[in-house]
Amino acid sequence: MLEAAVAIEDVGLATSLARKLESASHIITTPRALHSVARVLGGAAALAGDAPRARRYYEQALEVCQKVRFRPEIALTRLQLAELLLDRYPNEKAAAMEHLDFAITEFREMKMRWGGR
């Protein structure tokens, strides 16, 4: 539900749902699909305009997903982190481009497509 709220850019709903999931940010599975909860929380924080919180969640998602080699979520997280850095941290363009290049390469290798915003 949180991922859907972020996708439709419903800040109120995303913020409300994110509060309920904060304690589960270290989890990478949900009952119906594999997701990094921290990545989705990062998206909600970014949508709400809280760039520092979004960045912390994205970094947490990377840490958790790298431990278990969760390749699709690593690529998605790095893409979203790149978007955040480009939008909110203009002095970190080089780092953003590294994340973006990594994500694009991974998506191609895994034959994934990103619909994005």
Protein backbone atom coordinates (compact mmCIF):
# COMPACT_ATOMS: atom_id res chain seq x y z
CA MET A 1 0.00 0.00 0.00
CA LEU A 2 2.83 2.37 0.83
CA GLU A 3 4.48 1.80 -2.53
CA ALA A 4 1.16 2.55 -4.25
CA ALA A 5 0.68 5.72 -2.19
CA VAL A 6 4.14 6.90 -3.24
CA ALA A 7 3.46 6.01 -6.88
CA ILE A 8 0.28 8.08 -6.97
CA GLU A 9 2.02 10.82 -4.97
CA ASP A 10 -0.50 10.85 -2.11
CA VAL A 11 1.68 12.53 0.52
CA GLY A 12 -0.84 12.20 3.36
CA LEU A 13 -1.46 8.51 2.86
CA ALA A 14 2.24 7.79 2.27
CA THR A 15 3.19 9.63 5.45
CA SER A 16 0.55 7.83 7.50
CA LEU A 17 1.52 4.39 6.19
CA ALA A 18 5.24 5.12 6.56
CA ARG A 19 4.81 5.85 10.26
CA LYS A 20 3.29 2.40 10.69
CA LEU A 21 6.17 0.68 8.87
CA GLU A 22 9.17 2.50 10.36
CA SER A 23 9.91 -0.28 12.82
CA ALA A 24 10.05 -2.78 9.94
CA SER A 25 12.62 -0.88 7.86
CA HIS A 26 15.15 -3.72 8.18
CA ILE A 27 12.81 -6.24 6.51
CA ILE A 28 13.14 -7.19 2.87
CA THR A 29 10.08 -9.36 2.41
CA THR A 30 6.37 -8.79 2.56
CA PRO A 31 3.58 -11.37 2.43
CA ARG A 32 2.89 -10.98 -1.31
CA ALA A 33 6.13 -9.76 -2.90
CA LEU A 34 9.79 -9.18 -2.23
CA HIS A 35 10.57 -5.57 -1.40
CA SER A 36 12.95 -3.64 0.74
CA VAL A 37 10.77 -1.87 3.29
CA ALA A 38 13.53 0.72 3.79
CA ARG A 39 13.53 1.54 0.05
CA VAL A 40 9.78 2.10 0.08
CA LEU A 41 10.08 4.21 3.24
CA GLY A 42 12.78 6.21 1.46
CA GLY A 43 10.37 6.88 -1.38
CA ALA A 44 7.73 8.07 1.08
CA ALA A 45 10.22 10.36 2.81
CA ALA A 46 11.36 11.77 -0.53
CA LEU A 47 7.73 12.38 -1.53
CA ALA A 48 7.15 14.19 1.76
CA GLY A 49 10.19 16.40 1.08
CA ASP A 50 12.36 14.93 3.85
CA ALA A 51 15.56 14.35 1.85
CA PRO A 52 17.81 13.49 4.82
CA ARG A 53 15.37 10.83 6.04
CA ALA A 54 14.93 9.45 2.50
CA ARG A 55 18.69 9.20 2.12
CA ARG A 56 19.05 7.33 5.43
CA TYR A 57 16.38 4.84 4.38
CA TYR A 58 17.97 4.32 0.97
CA GLU A 59 21.35 3.73 2.59
CA GLN A 60 19.75 1.27 5.03
CA ALA A 61 18.06 -0.53 2.13
CA LEU A 62 21.38 -0.84 0.33
CA GLU A 63 23.07 -2.22 3.43
CA VAL A 64 20.36 -4.84 4.06
CA CYS A 65 19.96 -5.83 0.40
CA GLN A 66 23.71 -6.13 -0.18
CA LYS A 67 24.03 -8.53 2.75
CA VAL A 68 21.60 -10.93 1.10
CA ARG A 69 22.58 -10.07 -2.48
CA PHE A 70 19.07 -8.89 -3.37
CA ARG A 71 20.05 -7.61 -6.79
CA PRO A 72 16.74 -6.17 -8.08
CA GLU A 73 16.17 -4.13 -4.93
CA ILE A 74 19.76 -2.89 -4.95
CA ALA A 75 19.25 -1.59 -8.48
CA LEU A 76 15.92 0.02 -7.62
CA THR A 77 17.36 1.59 -4.47
CA ARG A 78 20.38 2.98 -6.30
CA LEU A 79 18.09 4.44 -8.96
CA GLN A 80 15.94 6.15 -6.36
CA LEU A 81 19.00 7.34 -4.45
CA ALA A 82 20.38 8.80 -7.69
CA GLU A 83 17.10 10.64 -8.27
CA LEU A 84 17.20 12.01 -4.72
CA LEU A 85 20.81 13.15 -5.03
CA LEU A 86 20.15 14.86 -8.36
CA ASP A 87 17.02 16.58 -7.04
CA ARG A 88 18.13 17.57 -3.56
CA TYR A 89 21.93 17.35 -3.37
CA PRO A 90 23.29 19.15 -6.48
CA ASN A 91 26.85 19.03 -5.15
CA GLU A 92 26.73 15.22 -5.27
CA LYS A 93 26.06 14.87 -8.98
CA ALA A 94 29.05 12.55 -9.50
CA ALA A 95 27.80 10.15 -6.83
CA ALA A 96 24.30 10.31 -8.29
CA MET A 97 25.64 9.43 -11.73
CA GLU A 98 27.55 6.45 -10.30
CA HIS A 99 24.34 5.14 -8.73
CA LEU A 100 22.44 5.75 -11.96
CA ASP A 101 25.04 4.03 -14.14
CA PHE A 102 25.05 1.05 -11.77
CA ALA A 103 21.26 0.81 -11.80
CA ILE A 104 21.01 1.03 -15.59
CA THR A 105 23.62 -1.69 -16.04
CA GLU A 106 21.85 -3.95 -13.53
CA PHE A 107 18.43 -3.37 -15.10
CA ARG A 108 19.80 -4.31 -18.50
CA GLU A 109 21.57 -7.43 -17.21
CA MET A 110 18.44 -8.56 -15.37
CA LYS A 111 16.22 -7.57 -18.32
CA MET A 112 14.23 -5.25 -16.05
CA ARG A 113 12.48 -2.06 -17.10
CA TRP A 114 11.83 0.92 -14.87
CA GLY A 115 8.62 2.83 -15.53
CA GLY A 116 9.62 5.61 -13.14
CA ARG A 117 7.85 8.93 -12.84
